[in-house]
Amino acid sequence: MYLDKAKKQEIFGQYGKSTTDTGSAEAQIALFSYRIAHLTEHLKKNRKDHNTARSLTMMVGKRRKLLKYLYVNDINRYRTIVKALGLRK
């Protein structure tokens, strides 16, 4: 499986406050970004997989809502996570 418990803890440790910090917006955005990148690669090989394409669209929407939440509530945290993940250009 592409996303096991150890990989999740690594992502949460890098972008969250600790390895068990699964609730912070930064940790969730980082996890969504990892999953989005994986699904994007999958869709490049399997372009007719419509269920995965729909799931990818929904994940991008969820990440966008979390980014908007950070933008409205704490602009410094928003800028930090966007820079760390390289989301905006």
N, C-alpha and C. Protein backbone atom coordinates (compact mmCIF):
# COMPACT_ATOMS: atom_id res chain seq x y z
N MET A 1 0.84 -1.18 0.00
CA MET A 1 0.00 0.00 0.00
C MET A 1 0.88 1.24 0.00
N TYR A 2 0.49 2.24 -0.70
CA TYR A 2 1.32 3.43 -0.86
C TYR A 2 1.35 4.31 0.38
N LEU A 3 0.35 4.20 1.24
CA LEU A 3 0.27 5.08 2.41
C LEU A 3 0.05 4.23 3.66
N ASP A 4 1.16 3.85 4.29
CA ASP A 4 1.04 3.05 5.49
C ASP A 4 1.18 3.93 6.73
N LYS A 5 1.11 3.32 7.89
CA LYS A 5 1.12 4.05 9.14
C LYS A 5 2.43 4.83 9.33
N ALA A 6 3.53 4.24 8.96
CA ALA A 6 4.83 4.89 9.12
C ALA A 6 4.93 6.15 8.24
N LYS A 7 4.41 6.06 7.02
CA LYS A 7 4.45 7.21 6.11
C LYS A 7 3.58 8.35 6.64
N LYS A 8 2.40 8.00 7.19
CA LYS A 8 1.53 9.02 7.77
C LYS A 8 2.22 9.71 8.94
N GLN A 9 2.86 8.92 9.81
CA GLN A 9 3.55 9.50 10.96
C GLN A 9 4.68 10.41 10.51
N GLU A 10 5.36 10.03 9.45
CA GLU A 10 6.43 10.87 8.90
C GLU A 10 5.87 12.21 8.41
N ILE A 11 4.77 12.17 7.70
CA ILE A 11 4.14 13.40 7.20
C ILE A 11 3.66 14.26 8.36
N PHE A 12 3.00 13.65 9.34
CA PHE A 12 2.52 14.41 10.49
C PHE A 12 3.67 14.98 11.30
N GLY A 13 4.75 14.23 11.42
CA GLY A 13 5.91 14.72 12.15
C GLY A 13 6.59 15.90 11.46
N GLN A 14 6.60 15.87 10.15
CA GLN A 14 7.26 16.92 9.38
C GLN A 14 6.43 18.20 9.33
N TYR A 15 5.13 18.09 9.16
CA TYR A 15 4.29 19.27 8.96
C TYR A 15 3.40 19.60 10.15
N GLY A 16 3.14 18.63 11.02
CA GLY A 16 2.32 18.88 12.21
C GLY A 16 3.20 19.23 13.39
N LYS A 17 2.58 19.23 14.55
CA LYS A 17 3.32 19.55 15.76
C LYS A 17 4.07 18.33 16.29
N SER A 18 3.54 17.12 16.05
CA SER A 18 4.19 15.88 16.46
C SER A 18 3.74 14.77 15.52
N THR A 19 4.23 13.55 15.76
CA THR A 19 3.85 12.44 14.89
C THR A 19 2.41 12.00 15.11
N THR A 20 1.83 12.39 16.25
CA THR A 20 0.44 12.02 16.52
C THR A 20 -0.52 13.18 16.26
N ASP A 21 -0.03 14.28 15.74
CA ASP A 21 -0.86 15.46 15.46
C ASP A 21 -1.56 15.27 14.12
N THR A 22 -2.73 14.64 14.18
CA THR A 22 -3.46 14.37 12.94
C THR A 22 -4.54 15.39 12.67
N GLY A 23 -4.80 16.30 13.60
CA GLY A 23 -5.92 17.20 13.46
C GLY A 23 -5.59 18.59 12.98
N SER A 24 -4.33 18.98 13.03
CA SER A 24 -4.01 20.35 12.62
C SER A 24 -4.19 20.50 11.12
N ALA A 25 -4.51 21.70 10.72
CA ALA A 25 -4.77 21.96 9.30
C ALA A 25 -3.53 21.69 8.45
N GLU A 26 -2.37 22.04 8.97
CA GLU A 26 -1.13 21.82 8.21
C GLU A 26 -0.90 20.34 7.94
N ALA A 27 -1.12 19.51 8.95
CA ALA A 27 -0.91 18.07 8.79
C ALA A 27 -1.91 17.49 7.79
N GLN A 28 -3.16 17.93 7.87
CA GLN A 28 -4.16 17.43 6.94
C GLN A 28 -3.88 17.88 5.51
N ILE A 29 -3.45 19.12 5.34
CA ILE A 29 -3.12 19.63 4.01
C ILE A 29 -1.94 18.85 3.43
N ALA A 30 -0.94 18.56 4.25
CA ALA A 30 0.22 17.80 3.78
C ALA A 30 -0.19 16.39 3.37
N LEU A 31 -1.06 15.76 4.16
CA LEU A 31 -1.51 14.41 3.82
C LEU A 31 -2.33 14.42 2.53
N PHE A 32 -3.23 15.40 2.39
CA PHE A 32 -3.99 15.51 1.15
C PHE A 32 -3.06 15.73 -0.04
N SER A 33 -2.04 16.55 0.12
CA SER A 33 -1.11 16.82 -0.97
C SER A 33 -0.38 15.55 -1.40
N TYR A 34 0.02 14.74 -0.43
CA TYR A 34 0.69 13.48 -0.74
C TYR A 34 -0.26 12.55 -1.51
N ARG A 35 -1.50 12.44 -1.04
CA ARG A 35 -2.48 11.58 -1.69
C ARG A 35 -2.84 12.10 -3.08
N ILE A 36 -2.93 13.42 -3.24
CA ILE A 36 -3.24 14.01 -4.54
C ILE A 36 -2.13 13.71 -5.54
N ALA A 37 -0.89 13.82 -5.09
CA ALA A 37 0.24 13.53 -5.98
C ALA A 37 0.22 12.07 -6.42
N HIS A 38 -0.11 11.17 -5.49
CA HIS A 38 -0.18 9.75 -5.83
C HIS A 38 -1.29 9.48 -6.85
N LEU A 39 -2.46 10.06 -6.62
CA LEU A 39 -3.58 9.83 -7.54
C LEU A 39 -3.32 10.46 -8.91
N THR A 40 -2.63 11.57 -8.92
CA THR A 40 -2.30 12.21 -10.19
C THR A 40 -1.41 11.30 -11.03
N GLU A 41 -0.42 10.68 -10.39
CA GLU A 41 0.44 9.74 -11.12
C GLU A 41 -0.36 8.54 -11.61
N HIS A 42 -1.29 8.06 -10.79
CA HIS A 42 -2.13 6.93 -11.18
C HIS A 42 -2.97 7.29 -12.41
N LEU A 43 -3.51 8.50 -12.41
CA LEU A 43 -4.38 8.90 -13.53
C LEU A 43 -3.60 9.16 -14.82
N LYS A 44 -2.32 9.46 -14.70
CA LYS A 44 -1.51 9.60 -15.91
C LYS A 44 -1.39 8.27 -16.64
N LYS A 45 -1.37 7.18 -15.88
CA LYS A 45 -1.26 5.85 -16.48
C LYS A 45 -2.62 5.27 -16.84
N ASN A 46 -3.65 5.61 -16.05
CA ASN A 46 -4.99 5.04 -16.23
C ASN A 46 -5.99 6.17 -16.44
N ARG A 47 -5.99 6.74 -17.60
CA ARG A 47 -6.78 7.94 -17.83
C ARG A 47 -8.29 7.68 -17.86
N LYS A 48 -8.71 6.44 -18.00
CA LYS A 48 -10.14 6.14 -18.04
C LYS A 48 -10.71 5.74 -16.68
N ASP A 49 -9.94 5.87 -15.65
CA ASP A 49 -10.37 5.53 -14.30
C ASP A 49 -11.17 6.72 -13.73
N HIS A 50 -12.45 6.73 -14.01
CA HIS A 50 -13.29 7.88 -13.65
C HIS A 50 -13.56 7.98 -12.15
N ASN A 51 -13.61 6.84 -11.46
CA ASN A 51 -13.82 6.88 -10.01
C ASN A 51 -12.66 7.56 -9.30
N THR A 52 -11.45 7.25 -9.73
CA THR A 52 -10.28 7.88 -9.13
C THR A 52 -10.23 9.36 -9.49
N ALA A 53 -10.65 9.69 -10.69
CA ALA A 53 -10.66 11.10 -11.09
C ALA A 53 -11.63 11.89 -10.22
N ARG A 54 -12.76 11.30 -9.91
CA ARG A 54 -13.73 11.97 -9.04
C ARG A 54 -13.18 12.11 -7.63
N SER A 55 -12.55 11.07 -7.13
CA SER A 55 -11.94 11.12 -5.80
C SER A 55 -10.86 12.19 -5.73
N LEU A 56 -10.08 12.30 -6.79
CA LEU A 56 -9.03 13.32 -6.84
C LEU A 56 -9.65 14.72 -6.80
N THR A 57 -10.71 14.93 -7.54
CA THR A 57 -11.39 16.23 -7.54
C THR A 57 -11.92 16.58 -6.16
N MET A 58 -12.49 15.60 -5.48
CA MET A 58 -13.02 15.85 -4.14
C MET A 58 -11.90 16.15 -3.14
N MET A 59 -10.77 15.45 -3.28
CA MET A 59 -9.63 15.70 -2.39
C MET A 59 -9.05 17.09 -2.60
N VAL A 60 -8.97 17.51 -3.84
CA VAL A 60 -8.47 18.86 -4.13
C VAL A 60 -9.40 19.89 -3.50
N GLY A 61 -10.70 19.64 -3.55
CA GLY A 61 -11.66 20.55 -2.92
C GLY A 61 -11.50 20.61 -1.42
N LYS A 62 -11.29 19.47 -0.78
CA LYS A 62 -11.08 19.44 0.67
C LYS A 62 -9.82 20.19 1.05
N ARG A 63 -8.74 19.97 0.28
CA ARG A 63 -7.49 20.68 0.57
C ARG A 63 -7.67 22.18 0.39
N ARG A 64 -8.44 22.54 -0.64
CA ARG A 64 -8.68 23.96 -0.89
C ARG A 64 -9.45 24.61 0.25
N LYS A 65 -10.43 23.89 0.81
CA LYS A 65 -11.19 24.42 1.95
C LYS A 65 -10.29 24.59 3.17
N LEU A 66 -9.40 23.64 3.40
CA LEU A 66 -8.48 23.77 4.53
C LEU A 66 -7.52 24.94 4.33
N LEU A 67 -7.06 25.12 3.10
CA LEU A 67 -6.17 26.25 2.82
C LEU A 67 -6.90 27.58 3.01
N LYS A 68 -8.15 27.62 2.61
CA LYS A 68 -8.94 28.84 2.80
C LYS A 68 -9.13 29.12 4.29
N TYR A 69 -9.38 28.08 5.08
CA TYR A 69 -9.51 28.22 6.52
C TYR A 69 -8.24 28.84 7.11
N LEU A 70 -7.09 28.31 6.72
CA LEU A 70 -5.83 28.87 7.22
C LEU A 70 -5.63 30.30 6.75
N TYR A 71 -5.98 30.58 5.51
CA TYR A 71 -5.80 31.92 4.96
C TYR A 71 -6.62 32.94 5.75
N VAL A 72 -7.83 32.58 6.10
CA VAL A 72 -8.72 33.50 6.81
C VAL A 72 -8.29 33.66 8.27
N ASN A 73 -7.90 32.55 8.92
CA ASN A 73 -7.66 32.59 10.36
C ASN A 73 -6.22 32.90 10.76
N ASP A 74 -5.25 32.44 9.99
CA ASP A 74 -3.85 32.68 10.35
C ASP A 74 -3.01 32.71 9.08
N ILE A 75 -2.77 33.89 8.55
CA ILE A 75 -2.09 34.05 7.26
C ILE A 75 -0.65 33.57 7.32
N ASN A 76 0.00 33.66 8.47
CA ASN A 76 1.39 33.21 8.58
C ASN A 76 1.50 31.70 8.47
N ARG A 77 0.59 30.97 9.11
CA ARG A 77 0.59 29.51 8.98
C ARG A 77 0.28 29.10 7.55
N TYR A 78 -0.62 29.84 6.88
CA TYR A 78 -0.96 29.58 5.49
C TYR A 78 0.28 29.74 4.61
N ARG A 79 0.97 30.84 4.77
CA ARG A 79 2.16 31.09 3.95
C ARG A 79 3.25 30.05 4.19
N THR A 80 3.39 29.61 5.44
CA THR A 80 4.40 28.62 5.76
C THR A 80 4.11 27.28 5.08
N ILE A 81 2.87 26.82 5.16
CA ILE A 81 2.55 25.51 4.59
C ILE A 81 2.56 25.55 3.06
N VAL A 82 2.13 26.66 2.48
CA VAL A 82 2.16 26.78 1.02
C VAL A 82 3.59 26.77 0.51
N LYS A 83 4.47 27.44 1.23
CA LYS A 83 5.88 27.47 0.83
C LYS A 83 6.52 26.11 1.02
N ALA A 84 6.21 25.44 2.13
CA ALA A 84 6.81 24.13 2.41
C ALA A 84 6.38 23.09 1.39
N LEU A 85 5.13 23.13 0.96
CA LEU A 85 4.63 22.13 0.01
C LEU A 85 4.79 22.56 -1.44
N GLY A 86 5.07 23.84 -1.66
CA GLY A 86 5.22 24.33 -3.02
C GLY A 86 3.92 24.31 -3.80
N LEU A 87 2.83 24.75 -3.16
CA LEU A 87 1.52 24.67 -3.81
C LEU A 87 1.25 25.82 -4.76
N ARG A 88 1.60 27.01 -4.39
CA ARG A 88 1.31 28.18 -5.24
C ARG A 88 2.60 28.61 -5.94
N LYS A 89 2.42 29.29 -7.05
CA LYS A 89 3.60 29.78 -7.78
C LYS A 89 3.63 31.27 -7.83
